[in-house]
Amino acid sequence: MTYIPSPISTEDIELSPALLDLTEQIAANVHDVWAANRIDDGWKYGKERNDALKHHPCLVPYDKLSETEKEYDRNTAMQTLKLIQKLGFKISN
C-alpha cells in the first residue's frame, strides 16, 4: 500500500504577531524533544549522520543549528499553531 499524506490545509490561517513569536519558542522545544529522544536512544553528536554508529550532526542546541534545520522545526511549530486555530481552538495568554 502506498501512503499518501493528506494534511489539513492551513493556507487560509494567518498567525498573529504574538503567535509568530511563540513559533520560535515551540520550534526550539520541538528540537529539544527530538534531541532528548535521540540521546535516550543512544545517539551522539557526529559531524555527519551515520545511522550505524548513531551519530547525528543536529544533536546540538537549537541556536547552533543551521537556518535550514531551524526552518524545519519552525514549519512544524507554525503548522501546529495554524491547525489548532483551523480546528476552532483559541490560543490566549
N, C-alpha and C. Protein backbone atom coordinates (compact mmCIF):
# COMPACT_ATOMS: atom_id res chain seq x y z
N MET A 1 0.84 -1.18 0.00
CA MET A 1 0.00 0.00 0.00
C MET A 1 0.89 1.25 0.00
N THR A 2 0.53 2.21 -0.81
CA THR A 2 1.26 3.47 -0.88
C THR A 2 0.60 4.49 0.03
N TYR A 3 1.40 5.08 0.88
CA TYR A 3 0.90 6.11 1.80
C TYR A 3 0.88 7.45 1.08
N ILE A 4 -0.27 8.11 1.10
CA ILE A 4 -0.40 9.43 0.51
C ILE A 4 -0.82 10.39 1.61
N PRO A 5 0.11 11.22 2.09
CA PRO A 5 -0.22 12.17 3.17
C PRO A 5 -1.33 13.13 2.73
N SER A 6 -2.20 13.46 3.65
CA SER A 6 -3.27 14.42 3.35
C SER A 6 -3.46 15.35 4.54
N PRO A 7 -2.47 16.23 4.77
CA PRO A 7 -2.62 17.17 5.89
C PRO A 7 -3.77 18.14 5.65
N ILE A 8 -4.35 18.60 6.73
CA ILE A 8 -5.41 19.60 6.65
C ILE A 8 -4.77 20.91 6.18
N SER A 9 -5.35 21.52 5.18
CA SER A 9 -4.81 22.77 4.66
C SER A 9 -4.98 23.89 5.68
N THR A 10 -3.91 24.62 5.90
CA THR A 10 -3.95 25.77 6.81
C THR A 10 -3.58 27.06 6.07
N GLU A 11 -3.66 27.01 4.74
CA GLU A 11 -3.27 28.17 3.93
C GLU A 11 -4.11 29.41 4.24
N ASP A 12 -5.32 29.21 4.72
CA ASP A 12 -6.22 30.34 5.00
C ASP A 12 -6.05 30.91 6.40
N ILE A 13 -5.13 30.36 7.17
CA ILE A 13 -4.93 30.81 8.56
C ILE A 13 -3.70 31.71 8.62
N GLU A 14 -3.89 32.87 9.22
CA GLU A 14 -2.78 33.80 9.43
C GLU A 14 -2.55 33.94 10.92
N LEU A 15 -1.31 33.75 11.34
CA LEU A 15 -0.97 33.85 12.76
C LEU A 15 -0.74 35.30 13.17
N SER A 16 -1.17 35.63 14.37
CA SER A 16 -0.93 36.97 14.91
C SER A 16 0.56 37.14 15.20
N PRO A 17 1.03 38.38 15.33
CA PRO A 17 2.44 38.59 15.68
C PRO A 17 2.85 37.86 16.96
N ALA A 18 1.97 37.81 17.95
CA ALA A 18 2.30 37.12 19.21
C ALA A 18 2.50 35.62 18.96
N LEU A 19 1.65 35.04 18.11
CA LEU A 19 1.80 33.61 17.82
C LEU A 19 3.01 33.34 16.94
N LEU A 20 3.36 34.29 16.09
CA LEU A 20 4.59 34.14 15.31
C LEU A 20 5.81 34.11 16.23
N ASP A 21 5.78 34.93 17.28
CA ASP A 21 6.86 34.91 18.27
C ASP A 21 6.88 33.57 19.01
N LEU A 22 5.71 33.05 19.33
CA LEU A 22 5.60 31.77 20.01
C LEU A 22 6.15 30.63 19.15
N THR A 23 6.04 30.77 17.84
CA THR A 23 6.54 29.75 16.91
C THR A 23 8.00 29.42 17.18
N GLU A 24 8.81 30.43 17.41
CA GLU A 24 10.25 30.19 17.64
C GLU A 24 10.47 29.42 18.94
N GLN A 25 9.72 29.74 19.98
CA GLN A 25 9.86 29.02 21.24
C GLN A 25 9.42 27.56 21.09
N ILE A 26 8.34 27.35 20.36
CA ILE A 26 7.89 25.98 20.12
C ILE A 26 8.91 25.23 19.28
N ALA A 27 9.45 25.88 18.27
CA ALA A 27 10.45 25.24 17.41
C ALA A 27 11.66 24.78 18.22
N ALA A 28 12.13 25.62 19.12
CA ALA A 28 13.27 25.25 19.96
C ALA A 28 12.91 24.07 20.85
N ASN A 29 11.69 24.05 21.36
CA ASN A 29 11.27 22.94 22.21
C ASN A 29 11.11 21.66 21.40
N VAL A 30 10.56 21.77 20.20
CA VAL A 30 10.43 20.60 19.31
C VAL A 30 11.81 19.98 19.09
N HIS A 31 12.79 20.83 18.84
CA HIS A 31 14.16 20.33 18.64
C HIS A 31 14.67 19.64 19.90
N ASP A 32 14.45 20.26 21.05
CA ASP A 32 14.93 19.67 22.30
C ASP A 32 14.27 18.32 22.59
N VAL A 33 12.98 18.21 22.30
CA VAL A 33 12.28 16.93 22.49
C VAL A 33 12.87 15.88 21.55
N TRP A 34 13.04 16.25 20.29
CA TRP A 34 13.65 15.33 19.31
C TRP A 34 15.04 14.90 19.77
N ALA A 35 15.87 15.86 20.17
CA ALA A 35 17.24 15.56 20.59
C ALA A 35 17.27 14.68 21.83
N ALA A 36 16.42 14.98 22.79
CA ALA A 36 16.37 14.16 24.01
C ALA A 36 16.00 12.72 23.69
N ASN A 37 15.03 12.54 22.79
CA ASN A 37 14.65 11.19 22.38
C ASN A 37 15.79 10.47 21.68
N ARG A 38 16.50 11.16 20.81
CA ARG A 38 17.64 10.56 20.13
C ARG A 38 18.73 10.15 21.13
N ILE A 39 19.05 11.05 22.04
CA ILE A 39 20.09 10.77 23.03
C ILE A 39 19.67 9.59 23.91
N ASP A 40 18.40 9.54 24.29
CA ASP A 40 17.89 8.41 25.07
C ASP A 40 18.01 7.09 24.30
N ASP A 41 17.96 7.19 22.97
CA ASP A 41 18.10 6.00 22.13
C ASP A 41 19.55 5.67 21.79
N GLY A 42 20.49 6.41 22.42
CA GLY A 42 21.90 6.10 22.24
C GLY A 42 22.62 6.88 21.16
N TRP A 43 21.97 7.88 20.58
CA TRP A 43 22.61 8.69 19.55
C TRP A 43 23.54 9.71 20.19
N LYS A 44 24.56 10.11 19.43
CA LYS A 44 25.54 11.10 19.86
C LYS A 44 25.78 12.07 18.70
N TYR A 45 26.37 13.21 19.05
CA TYR A 45 26.74 14.16 18.01
C TYR A 45 27.81 13.56 17.11
N GLY A 46 27.69 13.82 15.84
CA GLY A 46 28.71 13.47 14.86
C GLY A 46 28.65 14.47 13.72
N LYS A 47 29.79 14.78 13.12
CA LYS A 47 29.83 15.77 12.04
C LYS A 47 28.95 15.38 10.87
N GLU A 48 28.82 14.07 10.65
CA GLU A 48 27.96 13.56 9.58
C GLU A 48 27.01 12.52 10.17
N ARG A 49 25.82 12.44 9.59
CA ARG A 49 24.86 11.43 10.06
C ARG A 49 25.37 10.04 9.69
N ASN A 50 25.33 9.16 10.69
CA ASN A 50 25.72 7.77 10.48
C ASN A 50 24.77 6.92 11.32
N ASP A 51 23.81 6.31 10.65
CA ASP A 51 22.79 5.53 11.37
C ASP A 51 23.39 4.33 12.07
N ALA A 52 24.40 3.71 11.48
CA ALA A 52 25.01 2.53 12.09
C ALA A 52 25.70 2.87 13.41
N LEU A 53 26.37 4.03 13.45
CA LEU A 53 27.08 4.47 14.66
C LEU A 53 26.19 5.33 15.56
N LYS A 54 25.00 5.66 15.07
CA LYS A 54 24.08 6.55 15.79
C LYS A 54 24.72 7.92 16.06
N HIS A 55 25.23 8.51 14.99
CA HIS A 55 25.79 9.86 15.03
C HIS A 55 24.89 10.78 14.21
N HIS A 56 24.66 11.98 14.72
CA HIS A 56 23.81 12.94 14.01
C HIS A 56 24.35 14.35 14.21
N PRO A 57 24.49 15.12 13.12
CA PRO A 57 25.03 16.48 13.24
C PRO A 57 24.09 17.49 13.88
N CYS A 58 22.82 17.15 14.03
CA CYS A 58 21.86 18.09 14.63
C CYS A 58 21.70 17.92 16.13
N LEU A 59 22.51 17.08 16.73
CA LEU A 59 22.45 16.93 18.19
C LEU A 59 23.29 18.03 18.85
N VAL A 60 22.80 19.24 18.65
CA VAL A 60 23.41 20.45 19.20
C VAL A 60 22.26 21.33 19.70
N PRO A 61 22.55 22.33 20.54
CA PRO A 61 21.49 23.25 20.96
C PRO A 61 20.83 23.92 19.75
N TYR A 62 19.56 24.26 19.89
CA TYR A 62 18.79 24.86 18.80
C TYR A 62 19.50 26.06 18.19
N ASP A 63 20.07 26.92 19.02
CA ASP A 63 20.72 28.12 18.48
C ASP A 63 21.98 27.83 17.69
N LYS A 64 22.47 26.59 17.72
CA LYS A 64 23.64 26.20 16.95
C LYS A 64 23.27 25.52 15.62
N LEU A 65 21.97 25.28 15.41
CA LEU A 65 21.52 24.66 14.17
C LEU A 65 21.67 25.63 13.00
N SER A 66 21.79 25.09 11.80
CA SER A 66 21.78 25.92 10.60
C SER A 66 20.38 26.49 10.42
N GLU A 67 20.25 27.55 9.68
CA GLU A 67 18.93 28.14 9.42
C GLU A 67 18.03 27.14 8.70
N THR A 68 18.59 26.31 7.85
CA THR A 68 17.80 25.29 7.15
C THR A 68 17.17 24.33 8.15
N GLU A 69 17.94 23.88 9.12
CA GLU A 69 17.41 22.96 10.13
C GLU A 69 16.40 23.66 11.03
N LYS A 70 16.66 24.92 11.38
CA LYS A 70 15.71 25.67 12.20
C LYS A 70 14.38 25.84 11.46
N GLU A 71 14.43 26.05 10.15
CA GLU A 71 13.21 26.22 9.37
C GLU A 71 12.34 24.98 9.42
N TYR A 72 12.94 23.80 9.46
CA TYR A 72 12.19 22.56 9.57
C TYR A 72 11.37 22.56 10.87
N ASP A 73 12.02 22.94 11.98
CA ASP A 73 11.33 22.99 13.28
C ASP A 73 10.31 24.11 13.33
N ARG A 74 10.65 25.26 12.73
CA ARG A 74 9.71 26.38 12.69
C ARG A 74 8.45 26.01 11.91
N ASN A 75 8.62 25.33 10.80
CA ASN A 75 7.47 24.93 10.00
C ASN A 75 6.57 23.99 10.78
N THR A 76 7.16 23.04 11.51
CA THR A 76 6.37 22.14 12.34
C THR A 76 5.57 22.94 13.37
N ALA A 77 6.22 23.87 14.02
CA ALA A 77 5.56 24.69 15.04
C ALA A 77 4.46 25.55 14.43
N MET A 78 4.76 26.19 13.32
CA MET A 78 3.79 27.09 12.69
C MET A 78 2.58 26.31 12.19
N GLN A 79 2.81 25.17 11.56
CA GLN A 79 1.68 24.38 11.07
C GLN A 79 0.82 23.85 12.22
N THR A 80 1.45 23.54 13.34
CA THR A 80 0.69 23.09 14.51
C THR A 80 -0.19 24.21 15.04
N LEU A 81 0.36 25.40 15.17
CA LEU A 81 -0.42 26.54 15.65
C LEU A 81 -1.57 26.86 14.68
N LYS A 82 -1.29 26.81 13.39
CA LYS A 82 -2.33 27.08 12.41
C LYS A 82 -3.43 26.02 12.47
N LEU A 83 -3.05 24.75 12.64
CA LEU A 83 -4.04 23.68 12.72
C LEU A 83 -4.94 23.85 13.94
N ILE A 84 -4.34 24.23 15.06
CA ILE A 84 -5.12 24.46 16.28
C ILE A 84 -6.21 25.50 16.00
N GLN A 85 -5.83 26.58 15.33
CA GLN A 85 -6.81 27.62 15.01
C GLN A 85 -7.82 27.13 13.98
N LYS A 86 -7.35 26.41 12.98
CA LYS A 86 -8.24 25.90 11.93
C LYS A 86 -9.32 25.00 12.53
N LEU A 87 -8.96 24.25 13.56
CA LEU A 87 -9.91 23.34 14.19
C LEU A 87 -10.84 24.05 15.18
N GLY A 88 -10.69 25.38 15.29
CA GLY A 88 -11.63 26.16 16.08
C GLY A 88 -11.19 26.47 17.50
N PHE A 89 -9.97 26.08 17.85
CA PHE A 89 -9.48 26.36 19.20
C PHE A 89 -8.87 27.76 19.23
N LYS A 90 -8.93 28.37 20.37
CA LYS A 90 -8.35 29.69 20.59
C LYS A 90 -7.14 29.57 21.49
N ILE A 91 -6.12 30.34 21.17
CA ILE A 91 -4.91 30.37 22.00
C ILE A 91 -4.85 31.76 22.63
N SER A 92 -4.80 31.81 23.95
CA SER A 92 -4.73 33.10 24.62
C SER A 92 -3.64 33.04 25.70
N ASN A 93 -3.18 34.21 26.06
CA ASN A 93 -2.19 34.28 27.14
C ASN A 93 -2.63 35.23 28.20
